[in-house]
PDB file of N, CA and C in Angstrom:
ATOM      1  N   UNK A   1     195.680-141.108  75.419  1.00  0.00           N
ATOM      2  CA  UNK A   1     195.724-141.177  76.866  1.00  0.00           C
ATOM      3  C   UNK A   1     197.167-140.952  77.326  1.00  0.00           C
ATOM      4  N   UNK A   2     197.397-140.055  78.329  1.00  0.00           N
ATOM      5  CA  UNK A   2     198.758-139.803  78.799  1.00  0.00           C
ATOM      6  C   UNK A   2     199.309-141.013  79.545  1.00  0.00           C
ATOM      7  N   UNK A   3     200.640-141.162  79.560  1.00  0.00           N
ATOM      8  CA  UNK A   3     201.227-142.293  80.295  1.00  0.00           C
ATOM      9  C   UNK A   3     200.870-142.206  81.776  1.00  0.00           C
ATOM     10  N   UNK A   4     200.668-143.350  82.379  1.00  0.00           N
ATOM     11  CA  UNK A   4     200.281-143.404  83.785  1.00  0.00           C
ATOM     12  C   UNK A   4     201.505-143.214  84.678  1.00  0.00           C
ATOM     13  N   UNK A   5     201.412-142.264  85.567  1.00  0.00           N
ATOM     14  CA  UNK A   5     202.481-142.012  86.537  1.00  0.00           C
ATOM     15  C   UNK A   5     202.135-142.801  87.795  1.00  0.00           C
ATOM     16  N   UNK A   6     203.034-143.648  88.259  1.00  0.00           N
ATOM     17  CA  UNK A   6     202.777-144.496  89.421  1.00  0.00           C
ATOM     18  C   UNK A   6     202.556-143.682  90.697  1.00  0.00           C
ATOM     19  N   UNK A   7     203.057-142.452  90.732  1.00  0.00           N
ATOM     20  CA  UNK A   7     202.902-141.605  91.915  1.00  0.00           C
ATOM     21  C   UNK A   7     201.536-140.913  91.930  1.00  0.00           C
ATOM     22  N   UNK A   8     200.837-140.931  90.810  1.00  0.00           N
ATOM     23  CA  UNK A   8     199.562-140.235  90.688  1.00  0.00           C
ATOM     24  C   UNK A   8     198.472-141.015  91.413  1.00  0.00           C
ATOM     25  N   UNK A   9     197.736-140.304  92.232  1.00  0.00           N
ATOM     26  CA  UNK A   9     196.592-140.894  92.910  1.00  0.00           C
ATOM     27  C   UNK A   9     195.382-140.039  92.566  1.00  0.00           C
ATOM     28  N   UNK A  10     194.368-140.626  91.961  1.00  0.00           N
ATOM     29  CA  UNK A  10     193.203-139.825  91.602  1.00  0.00           C
ATOM     30  C   UNK A  10     192.513-139.272  92.857  1.00  0.00           C
ATOM     31  N   UNK A  11     192.125-138.023  92.789  1.00  0.00           N
ATOM     32  CA  UNK A  11     191.497-137.366  93.926  1.00  0.00           C
ATOM     33  C   UNK A  11     190.186-136.745  93.469  1.00  0.00           C
ATOM     34  N   UNK A  12     189.168-136.956  94.250  1.00  0.00           N
ATOM     35  CA  UNK A  12     187.878-136.344  93.945  1.00  0.00           C
ATOM     36  C   UNK A  12     187.798-134.998  94.650  1.00  0.00           C
ATOM     37  N   UNK A  13     187.333-133.988  93.934  1.00  0.00           N
ATOM     38  CA  UNK A  13     187.164-132.673  94.531  1.00  0.00           C
ATOM     39  C   UNK A  13     185.752-132.489  95.079  1.00  0.00           C
ATOM     40  N   UNK A  14     184.926-133.509  94.938  1.00  0.00           N
ATOM     41  CA  UNK A  14     183.577-133.469  95.481  1.00  0.00           C
ATOM     42  C   UNK A  14     183.641-133.665  96.998  1.00  0.00           C
ATOM     43  N   UNK A  15     182.861-132.897  97.765  1.00  0.00           N
ATOM     44  CA  UNK A  15     182.874-133.070  99.225  1.00  0.00           C
ATOM     45  C   UNK A  15     182.333-134.444  99.629  1.00  0.00           C
ATOM     46  N   UNK A  16     182.958-135.016 100.632  1.00  0.00           N
ATOM     47  CA  UNK A  16     182.514-136.308 101.152  1.00  0.00           C
ATOM     48  C   UNK A  16     181.235-136.082 101.951  1.00  0.00           C
ATOM     49  N   UNK A  17     180.135-136.762 101.637  1.00  0.00           N
ATOM     50  CA  UNK A  17     178.873-136.517 102.337  1.00  0.00           C
ATOM     51  C   UNK A  17     178.938-136.830 103.835  1.00  0.00           C
ATOM     52  N   UNK A  18     179.736-137.796 104.216  1.00  0.00           N
ATOM     53  CA  UNK A  18     179.860-138.125 105.647  1.00  0.00           C
ATOM     54  C   UNK A  18     180.538-136.981 106.389  1.00  0.00           C
ATOM     55  N   UNK A  19     181.611-136.459 105.832  1.00  0.00           N
ATOM     56  CA  UNK A  19     182.315-135.331 106.454  1.00  0.00           C
ATOM     57  C   UNK A  19     181.406-134.117 106.505  1.00  0.00           C
ATOM     58  N   UNK A  20     180.686-133.863 105.439  1.00  0.00           N
ATOM     59  CA  UNK A  20     179.770-132.722 105.403  1.00  0.00           C
ATOM     60  C   UNK A  20     178.693-132.845 106.475  1.00  0.00           C
ATOM     61  N   UNK A  21     178.210-134.055 106.735  1.00  0.00           N
ATOM     62  CA  UNK A  21     177.184-134.274 107.760  1.00  0.00           C
ATOM     63  C   UNK A  21     177.720-133.960 109.149  1.00  0.00           C
ATOM     64  N   UNK A  22     178.972-134.301 109.414  1.00  0.00           N
ATOM     65  CA  UNK A  22     179.565-134.047 110.732  1.00  0.00           C
ATOM     66  C   UNK A  22     179.968-132.593 110.926  1.00  0.00           C
ATOM     67  N   UNK A  23     180.283-131.888 109.854  1.00  0.00           N
ATOM     68  CA  UNK A  23     180.770-130.504 109.948  1.00  0.00           C
ATOM     69  C   UNK A  23     179.815-129.594 110.703  1.00  0.00           C
ATOM     70  N   UNK A  24     178.513-129.809 110.553  1.00  0.00           N
ATOM     71  CA  UNK A  24     177.541-128.936 111.197  1.00  0.00           C
ATOM     72  C   UNK A  24     177.595-129.037 112.720  1.00  0.00           C
ATOM     73  N   UNK A  25     178.145-130.113 113.249  1.00  0.00           N
ATOM     74  CA  UNK A  25     178.216-130.321 114.693  1.00  0.00           C
ATOM     75  C   UNK A  25     179.566-129.949 115.298  1.00  0.00           C
ATOM     76  N   UNK A  26     180.464-129.403 114.506  1.00  0.00           N
ATOM     77  CA  UNK A  26     181.809-129.075 114.965  1.00  0.00           C
ATOM     78  C   UNK A  26     181.925-127.571 115.199  1.00  0.00           C
ATOM     79  N   UNK A  27     182.427-127.193 116.370  1.00  0.00           N
ATOM     80  CA  UNK A  27     182.675-125.781 116.663  1.00  0.00           C
ATOM     81  C   UNK A  27     184.088-125.458 116.179  1.00  0.00           C
ATOM     82  N   UNK A  28     184.184-124.908 114.996  1.00  0.00           N
ATOM     83  CA  UNK A  28     185.489-124.652 114.390  1.00  0.00           C
ATOM     84  C   UNK A  28     186.248-123.539 115.102  1.00  0.00           C
ATOM     85  N   UNK A  29     185.538-122.684 115.847  1.00  0.00           N
ATOM     86  CA  UNK A  29     186.246-121.626 116.572  1.00  0.00           C
ATOM     87  C   UNK A  29     187.156-122.233 117.632  1.00  0.00           C
ATOM     88  N   UNK A  30     186.731-123.323 118.254  1.00  0.00           N
ATOM     89  CA  UNK A  30     187.580-123.989 119.248  1.00  0.00           C
ATOM     90  C   UNK A  30     188.829-124.576 118.599  1.00  0.00           C
ATOM     91  N   UNK A  31     188.652-125.135 117.424  1.00  0.00           N
ATOM     92  CA  UNK A  31     189.798-125.697 116.696  1.00  0.00           C
ATOM     93  C   UNK A  31     190.775-124.584 116.343  1.00  0.00           C
ATOM     94  N   UNK A  32     190.246-123.465 115.831  1.00  0.00           N
ATOM     95  CA  UNK A  32     191.124-122.346 115.456  1.00  0.00           C
ATOM     96  C   UNK A  32     191.892-121.824 116.664  1.00  0.00           C
ATOM     97  N   UNK A  33     191.188-121.659 117.793  1.00  0.00           N
ATOM     98  CA  UNK A  33     191.844-121.156 119.004  1.00  0.00           C
ATOM     99  C   UNK A  33     192.945-122.114 119.457  1.00  0.00           C
ATOM    100  N   UNK A  34     192.673-123.412 119.390  1.00  0.00           N
ATOM    101  CA  UNK A  34     193.676-124.396 119.788  1.00  0.00           C
ATOM    102  C   UNK A  34     194.886-124.368 118.864  1.00  0.00           C
ATOM    103  N   UNK A  35     194.647-124.164 117.580  1.00  0.00           N
ATOM    104  CA  UNK A  35     195.756-124.151 116.625  1.00  0.00           C
ATOM    105  C   UNK A  35     196.624-122.901 116.755  1.00  0.00           C
ATOM    106  N   UNK A  36     196.124-121.879 117.432  1.00  0.00           N
ATOM    107  CA  UNK A  36     196.939-120.688 117.697  1.00  0.00           C
ATOM    108  C   UNK A  36     197.974-120.967 118.790  1.00  0.00           C
ATOM    109  N   UNK A  37     197.745-122.007 119.583  1.00  0.00           N
ATOM    110  CA  UNK A  37     198.670-122.355 120.664  1.00  0.00           C
ATOM    111  C   UNK A  37     199.847-123.136 120.108  1.00  0.00           C
ATOM    112  N   UNK A  38     200.967-123.053 120.808  1.00  0.00           N
ATOM    113  CA  UNK A  38     202.113-123.876 120.430  1.00  0.00           C
ATOM    114  C   UNK A  38     201.826-125.311 120.870  1.00  0.00           C
ATOM    115  N   UNK A  39     202.542-126.286 120.333  1.00  0.00           N
ATOM    116  CA  UNK A  39     202.349-127.660 120.797  1.00  0.00           C
ATOM    117  C   UNK A  39     202.551-127.792 122.315  1.00  0.00           C
ATOM    118  N   UNK A  40     203.524-127.075 122.861  1.00  0.00           N
ATOM    119  CA  UNK A  40     203.767-127.140 124.312  1.00  0.00           C
ATOM    120  C   UNK A  40     202.572-126.572 125.088  1.00  0.00           C
ATOM    121  N   UNK A  41     201.988-125.499 124.571  1.00  0.00           N
ATOM    122  CA  UNK A  41     200.815-124.918 125.234  1.00  0.00           C
ATOM    123  C   UNK A  41     199.614-125.858 125.153  1.00  0.00           C
ATOM    124  N   UNK A  42     199.464-126.515 124.020  1.00  0.00           N
ATOM    125  CA  UNK A  42     198.360-127.483 123.877  1.00  0.00           C
ATOM    126  C   UNK A  42     198.542-128.648 124.831  1.00  0.00           C
ATOM    127  N   UNK A  43     199.766-129.107 124.968  1.00  0.00           N
ATOM    128  CA  UNK A  43     200.040-130.207 125.890  1.00  0.00           C
ATOM    129  C   UNK A  43     199.761-129.785 127.333  1.00  0.00           C
ATOM    130  N   UNK A  44     200.169-128.574 127.712  1.00  0.00           N
ATOM    131  CA  UNK A  44     199.907-128.070 129.059  1.00  0.00           C
ATOM    132  C   UNK A  44     198.401-127.975 129.312  1.00  0.00           C
ATOM    133  N   UNK A  45     197.663-127.545 128.305  1.00  0.00           N
ATOM    134  CA  UNK A  45     196.203-127.447 128.422  1.00  0.00           C
ATOM    135  C   UNK A  45     195.590-128.842 128.618  1.00  0.00           C
ATOM    136  N   UNK A  46     196.066-129.809 127.865  1.00  0.00           N
ATOM    137  CA  UNK A  46     195.590-131.184 127.997  1.00  0.00           C
ATOM    138  C   UNK A  46     195.920-131.742 129.376  1.00  0.00           C
ATOM    139  N   UNK A  47     197.141-131.505 129.839  1.00  0.00           N
ATOM    140  CA  UNK A  47     197.538-132.007 131.155  1.00  0.00           C
ATOM    141  C   UNK A  47     196.681-131.387 132.256  1.00  0.00           C
ATOM    142  N   UNK A  48     196.395-130.106 132.148  1.00  0.00           N
ATOM    143  CA  UNK A  48     195.544-129.432 133.120  1.00  0.00           C
ATOM    144  C   UNK A  48     194.141-130.031 133.117  1.00  0.00           C
ATOM    145  N   UNK A  49     193.625-130.279 131.931  1.00  0.00           N
ATOM    146  CA  UNK A  49     192.304-130.893 131.816  1.00  0.00           C
ATOM    147  C   UNK A  49     192.284-132.279 132.452  1.00  0.00           C
ATOM    148  N   UNK A  50     193.311-133.075 132.167  1.00  0.00           N
ATOM    149  CA  UNK A  50     193.367-134.440 132.707  1.00  0.00           C
ATOM    150  C   UNK A  50     193.492-134.433 134.228  1.00  0.00           C
ATOM    151  N   UNK A  51     194.255-133.497 134.780  1.00  0.00           N
ATOM    152  CA  UNK A  51     194.368-133.389 136.237  1.00  0.00           C
ATOM    153  C   UNK A  51     193.000-133.080 136.851  1.00  0.00           C
ATOM    154  N   UNK A  52     192.271-132.142 136.262  1.00  0.00           N
ATOM    155  CA  UNK A  52     190.935-131.798 136.756  1.00  0.00           C
ATOM    156  C   UNK A  52     189.992-132.989 136.614  1.00  0.00           C
ATOM    157  N   UNK A  53     190.102-133.704 135.516  1.00  0.00           N
ATOM    158  CA  UNK A  53     189.269-134.882 135.286  1.00  0.00           C
ATOM    159  C   UNK A  53     189.509-135.931 136.371  1.00  0.00           C
ATOM    160  N   UNK A  54     190.774-136.201 136.663  1.00  0.00           N
ATOM    161  CA  UNK A  54     191.094-137.211 137.678  1.00  0.00           C
ATOM    162  C   UNK A  54     190.645-136.764 139.068  1.00  0.00           C
ATOM    163  N   UNK A  55     190.736-135.479 139.363  1.00  0.00           N
ATOM    164  CA  UNK A  55     190.247-134.966 140.645  1.00  0.00           C
ATOM    165  C   UNK A  55     188.740-135.185 140.760  1.00  0.00           C
ATOM    166  N   UNK A  56     188.002-134.853 139.717  1.00  0.00           N
ATOM    167  CA  UNK A  56     186.549-135.045 139.731  1.00  0.00           C
ATOM    168  C   UNK A  56     186.180-136.522 139.823  1.00  0.00           C
ATOM    169  N   UNK A  57     186.908-137.345 139.129  1.00  0.00           N
ATOM    170  CA  UNK A  57     186.649-138.784 139.165  1.00  0.00           C
ATOM    171  C   UNK A  57     186.888-139.324 140.583  1.00  0.00           C
ATOM    172  N   UNK A  58     187.980-138.881 141.197  1.00  0.00           N
ATOM    173  CA  UNK A  58     188.262-139.316 142.563  1.00  0.00           C
ATOM    174  C   UNK A  58     187.202-138.837 143.541  1.00  0.00           C
ATOM    175  N   UNK A  59     186.731-137.601 143.361  1.00  0.00           N
ATOM    176  CA  UNK A  59     185.691-137.050 144.247  1.00  0.00           C
ATOM    177  C   UNK A  59     184.397-137.849 144.082  1.00  0.00           C
ATOM    178  N   UNK A  60     184.079-138.228 142.877  1.00  0.00           N
ATOM    179  CA  UNK A  60     182.868-139.014 142.627  1.00  0.00           C
ATOM    180  C   UNK A  60     182.974-140.394 143.259  1.00  0.00           C
ATOM    181  N   UNK A  61     184.141-140.996 143.223  1.00  0.00           N
ATOM    182  CA  UNK A  61     184.328-142.308 143.844  1.00  0.00           C
ATOM    183  C   UNK A  61     184.241-142.227 145.360  1.00  0.00           C
ATOM    184  N   UNK A  62     184.801-141.165 145.928  1.00  0.00           N
ATOM    185  CA  UNK A  62     184.735-141.013 147.398  1.00  0.00           C
ATOM    186  C   UNK A  62     183.305-140.784 147.847  1.00  0.00           C
ATOM    187  N   UNK A  63     182.533-140.130 147.003  1.00  0.00           N
ATOM    188  CA  UNK A  63     181.140-139.817 147.347  1.00  0.00           C
ATOM    189  C   UNK A  63     180.254-141.061 147.291  1.00  0.00           C
ATOM    190  N   UNK A  64     180.584-141.974 146.408  1.00  0.00           N
ATOM    191  CA  UNK A  64     179.746-143.173 146.199  1.00  0.00           C
ATOM    192  C   UNK A  64     179.858-144.175 147.315  1.00  0.00           C
TER     193      UNK A  64
END
């Protein structure tokens, strides 16, 4: 048996069944498109989304 290296962490190459179950519900094209953006562009996209979200939330509250 080779000497044990304290930095070694055993890793399984078998796919995790939980991850595999969720993969079918993920649109990977959206992830790829987002990863093509710079971090600054992703942040701007998030900020734009949040602004629209808050506008819609406010409109719904005024309507109620």
